[in-house]
Amino acid sequence: SNFILVYGDNKKVVTSAVIIAGGKLPRELGVKGEHEYLNRGVTYCAWCDGPLFRGKDIAIIGGGNAALDAALNVAKMVKQIYIVNNLPKLTADPVMVDKAQEALNIRIMNETEVVEIQGDKLVKDIVIKHGHSSATKKLPVEGVFVEIGSVPATNYLRGVVKLNRAGEIVIDEQNMTNIPGIFAAGDITTVLEKQIITAAGEGAKAAIQASQYLAKRDNS
């Protein structure tokens, strides 16, 4: 059977096989100002945008490995880092936590929630509250690094292919989904390791398997 792909401009393409490699999307905070100040102080990639905040005060939102990794990697560039974690304690690996606690320019703020991101043309501060208190205060920062995980970009695939509870595409060893002819690769799938090198290898596997699928289909 053939598949019909419909693009955003309503353009349609008919194909005999599909490889889905959409990856993951950053998990958003869902607070006022987050979208407004995207790329104007709010970022989801410390590795990409860290150098833009050299010598400035920043907030890193999150308490897991991603947040701590971001903090430790930009610590030498920025002036001050506030790790804003809404949980009672950090959930990152103990080694990373120890390094963050030893850093002179990293301050860990547990049980602290971001309420709003504020600024003018660029981010100027975040509004935070601690614990169960309703009282808020402003924390002056010029950068907000959101590091609270990511979600598979699969909303449009619900009801099309089988997804697991996390929203990842379920694939077999041939990178095929439960629908013959639809393959998937990378972080968007149930593959265990979410790394660039792994995703690249999975993409190569999917392409080979799709090619073999088409050859068998044409010869049948």
Protein backbone atom coordinates (compact mmCIF):
# COMPACT_ATOMS: atom_id res chain seq x y z
CA SER A 1 0.00 0.00 0.00
CA ASN A 2 1.04 3.61 -0.52
CA PHE A 3 1.15 6.45 1.99
CA ILE A 4 0.05 10.05 1.49
CA LEU A 5 2.15 12.69 3.25
CA VAL A 6 0.45 16.05 3.75
CA TYR A 7 2.69 19.06 4.38
CA GLY A 8 1.83 22.32 6.13
CA ASP A 9 1.00 24.08 2.89
CA ASN A 10 -1.40 21.21 2.09
CA LYS A 11 1.01 19.81 -0.48
CA LYS A 12 0.60 16.05 -0.82
CA VAL A 13 3.18 13.42 -1.72
CA VAL A 14 2.45 9.75 -2.39
CA THR A 15 5.19 7.33 -1.35
CA SER A 16 5.66 3.59 -0.83
CA ALA A 17 7.75 3.89 2.35
CA VAL A 18 8.23 6.44 5.09
CA ILE A 19 11.07 7.02 7.55
CA ILE A 20 10.09 9.12 10.57
CA ALA A 21 13.06 10.83 12.22
CA GLY A 22 11.50 13.81 13.96
CA GLY A 23 13.46 13.56 17.21
CA LYS A 24 12.31 15.26 20.40
CA LEU A 25 11.13 18.71 21.36
CA PRO A 26 12.23 20.55 24.51
CA ARG A 27 9.77 20.34 27.36
CA GLU A 28 8.45 23.82 28.05
CA LEU A 29 7.95 25.52 31.40
CA GLY A 30 4.52 26.77 30.45
CA VAL A 31 4.91 30.16 32.13
CA LYS A 32 4.12 33.67 30.99
CA GLY A 33 6.97 35.24 29.02
CA GLU A 34 8.52 31.95 27.89
CA HIS A 35 7.42 32.23 24.27
CA GLU A 36 7.70 36.01 24.20
CA TYR A 37 11.38 35.95 25.13
CA LEU A 38 12.41 32.87 23.15
CA ASN A 39 15.81 33.63 21.57
CA ARG A 40 15.81 36.91 23.48
CA GLY A 41 17.16 35.38 26.67
CA VAL A 42 15.17 32.15 26.84
CA THR A 43 16.94 29.15 25.33
CA TYR A 44 16.60 25.38 25.35
CA CYS A 45 20.20 24.65 24.33
CA ALA A 46 23.00 25.58 26.69
CA TRP A 47 25.60 24.08 24.36
CA CYS A 48 24.39 26.25 21.48
CA ASP A 49 23.73 29.53 23.23
CA GLY A 50 26.01 29.49 26.28
CA PRO A 51 28.67 31.76 24.70
CA LEU A 52 26.03 34.45 24.08
CA PHE A 53 25.75 34.98 27.84
CA ARG A 54 29.44 35.36 28.61
CA GLY A 55 29.92 37.43 31.76
CA LYS A 56 26.18 37.57 32.53
CA ASP A 57 23.91 36.18 35.23
CA ILE A 58 21.70 33.30 34.12
CA ALA A 59 19.12 30.89 35.52
CA ILE A 60 19.08 27.22 34.62
CA ILE A 61 15.69 25.63 35.19
CA GLY A 62 15.76 21.99 36.23
CA GLY A 63 17.50 19.65 38.63
CA GLY A 64 18.43 16.60 36.58
CA ASN A 65 21.50 15.62 34.59
CA ALA A 66 20.61 17.95 31.71
CA ALA A 67 20.41 20.97 34.00
CA LEU A 68 23.62 20.15 35.88
CA ASP A 69 25.47 19.35 32.66
CA ALA A 70 24.41 22.73 31.27
CA ALA A 71 25.50 24.52 34.44
CA LEU A 72 28.92 22.90 34.57
CA ASN A 73 29.56 23.55 30.89
CA VAL A 74 28.75 27.27 30.94
CA ALA A 75 30.09 28.00 34.43
CA LYS A 76 33.41 29.28 33.07
CA MET A 77 31.67 31.59 30.60
CA VAL A 78 28.97 33.26 32.69
CA LYS A 79 29.17 35.39 35.81
CA GLN A 80 26.57 33.75 38.04
CA ILE A 81 24.33 30.69 37.65
CA TYR A 82 21.13 30.09 39.58
CA ILE A 83 19.90 26.49 39.33
CA VAL A 84 16.16 26.75 39.91
CA ASN A 85 14.74 23.35 40.83
CA ASN A 86 11.11 22.82 41.85
CA LEU A 87 11.88 19.55 43.67
CA PRO A 88 13.19 19.24 47.27
CA LYS A 89 16.61 18.15 45.98
CA LEU A 90 18.55 17.72 42.76
CA THR A 91 18.01 14.44 40.91
CA ALA A 92 21.23 14.56 38.87
CA ASP A 93 24.09 12.09 39.38
CA PRO A 94 25.86 12.69 42.74
CA VAL A 95 29.18 13.43 41.01
CA MET A 96 27.60 16.25 39.04
CA VAL A 97 25.81 17.58 42.10
CA ASP A 98 29.08 17.64 44.05
CA LYS A 99 30.82 19.58 41.27
CA ALA A 100 27.97 22.09 41.09
CA GLN A 101 28.04 22.62 44.86
CA GLU A 102 31.79 23.20 44.74
CA ALA A 103 31.57 25.81 41.97
CA LEU A 104 31.84 29.34 43.39
CA ASN A 105 29.45 30.89 40.87
CA ILE A 106 26.65 28.30 41.03
CA ARG A 107 23.81 28.77 43.51
CA ILE A 108 21.31 25.92 43.89
CA MET A 109 17.72 26.94 44.67
CA ASN A 110 15.63 23.85 45.49
CA GLU A 111 11.86 23.87 46.00
CA THR A 112 11.73 26.98 43.86
CA GLU A 113 9.24 27.51 41.04
CA VAL A 114 9.42 29.90 38.12
CA VAL A 115 6.18 31.88 37.89
CA GLU A 116 7.00 34.27 35.06
CA ILE A 117 9.81 35.48 32.80
CA GLN A 118 10.02 39.26 32.46
CA GLY A 119 11.97 41.80 30.50
CA ASP A 120 11.85 44.58 27.97
CA LYS A 121 13.30 43.71 24.59
CA LEU A 122 15.42 41.07 26.32
CA VAL A 123 15.03 39.03 29.50
CA LYS A 124 15.72 41.03 32.64
CA ASP A 125 14.49 38.77 35.44
CA ILE A 126 12.40 35.79 36.45
CA VAL A 127 9.65 35.79 39.05
CA ILE A 128 10.06 32.89 41.49
CA LYS A 129 8.39 31.52 44.59
CA HIS A 130 9.75 29.13 47.20
CA GLY A 131 8.03 26.05 48.58
CA HIS A 132 4.35 26.38 49.39
CA SER A 133 4.59 30.12 49.93
CA SER A 134 2.51 32.36 47.68
CA ALA A 135 5.04 35.18 48.05
CA THR A 136 7.09 35.90 44.94
CA LYS A 137 10.30 37.75 44.26
CA LYS A 138 12.28 38.78 41.22
CA LEU A 139 15.63 37.23 40.38
CA PRO A 140 17.65 39.45 38.02
CA VAL A 141 19.04 37.34 35.15
CA GLU A 142 19.68 37.94 31.46
CA GLY A 143 19.44 34.32 30.38
CA VAL A 144 16.97 31.54 31.15
CA PHE A 145 18.13 28.05 30.16
CA VAL A 146 15.20 25.61 30.28
CA GLU A 147 16.60 22.13 30.96
CA ILE A 148 13.64 20.04 32.12
CA GLY A 149 13.79 17.27 29.55
CA SER A 150 12.19 16.69 26.18
CA VAL A 151 9.21 14.94 24.62
CA PRO A 152 8.97 12.96 21.36
CA ALA A 153 7.55 14.95 18.44
CA THR A 154 4.75 12.45 17.86
CA ASN A 155 1.45 14.23 18.51
CA TYR A 156 0.55 14.05 14.83
CA LEU A 157 1.21 10.28 14.81
CA ARG A 158 -1.33 9.25 17.44
CA GLY A 159 -3.64 6.73 15.84
CA VAL A 160 -1.24 6.24 12.92
CA VAL A 161 1.55 4.10 14.43
CA LYS A 162 1.94 2.41 17.81
CA LEU A 163 3.38 4.64 20.54
CA ASN A 164 4.46 3.73 24.07
CA ARG A 165 3.31 5.56 27.20
CA ALA A 166 6.10 8.10 26.79
CA GLY A 167 4.93 8.91 23.27
CA GLU A 168 7.88 7.17 21.60
CA ILE A 169 7.36 5.20 18.37
CA VAL A 170 7.58 1.47 18.98
CA ILE A 171 9.96 -0.16 16.47
CA ASP A 172 11.42 -3.62 15.90
CA GLU A 173 15.03 -4.58 15.12
CA GLN A 174 14.48 -3.52 11.49
CA ASN A 175 13.37 -0.04 12.61
CA MET A 176 9.87 -0.80 11.34
CA THR A 177 6.78 0.37 13.18
CA ASN A 178 3.64 -1.72 13.53
CA ILE A 179 2.64 -0.50 10.05
CA PRO A 180 4.58 -2.25 7.23
CA GLY A 181 6.43 0.36 5.20
CA ILE A 182 6.63 2.96 7.96
CA PHE A 183 10.04 3.08 9.62
CA ALA A 184 11.38 5.32 12.38
CA ALA A 185 14.78 6.24 13.75
CA GLY A 186 16.45 8.19 16.52
CA ASP A 187 15.22 9.81 19.73
CA ILE A 188 11.62 9.71 18.53
CA THR A 189 11.67 5.90 18.94
CA THR A 190 11.99 3.37 21.75
CA VAL A 191 15.75 3.02 21.12
CA LEU A 192 17.44 3.02 24.54
CA GLU A 193 20.22 5.55 24.05
CA LYS A 194 19.29 9.11 23.12
CA GLN A 195 22.53 10.30 21.59
CA ILE A 196 23.42 11.96 18.28
CA ILE A 197 25.77 9.13 17.29
CA THR A 198 23.08 6.55 18.10
CA ALA A 199 20.43 8.44 16.15
CA ALA A 200 22.72 8.66 13.12
CA GLY A 201 23.31 4.92 13.21
CA GLU A 202 19.60 4.26 13.61
CA GLY A 203 18.92 6.50 10.61
CA ALA A 204 21.34 4.48 8.49
CA LYS A 205 19.67 1.25 9.63
CA ALA A 206 16.22 2.58 8.80
CA ALA A 207 17.32 3.70 5.33
CA ILE A 208 18.81 0.28 4.57
CA GLN A 209 15.73 -1.53 5.82
CA ALA A 210 13.40 0.77 3.87
CA SER A 211 15.43 0.12 0.72
CA GLN A 212 15.23 -3.62 1.24
CA TYR A 213 11.51 -3.37 1.95
CA LEU A 214 10.94 -1.54 -1.33
CA ALA A 215 13.08 -4.04 -3.28
CA LYS A 216 11.09 -6.96 -1.89
CA ARG A 217 7.82 -5.14 -2.53
CA ASP A 218 8.70 -4.42 -6.16
CA ASN A 219 9.78 -8.00 -6.76
CA SER A 220 6.69 -9.55 -5.21
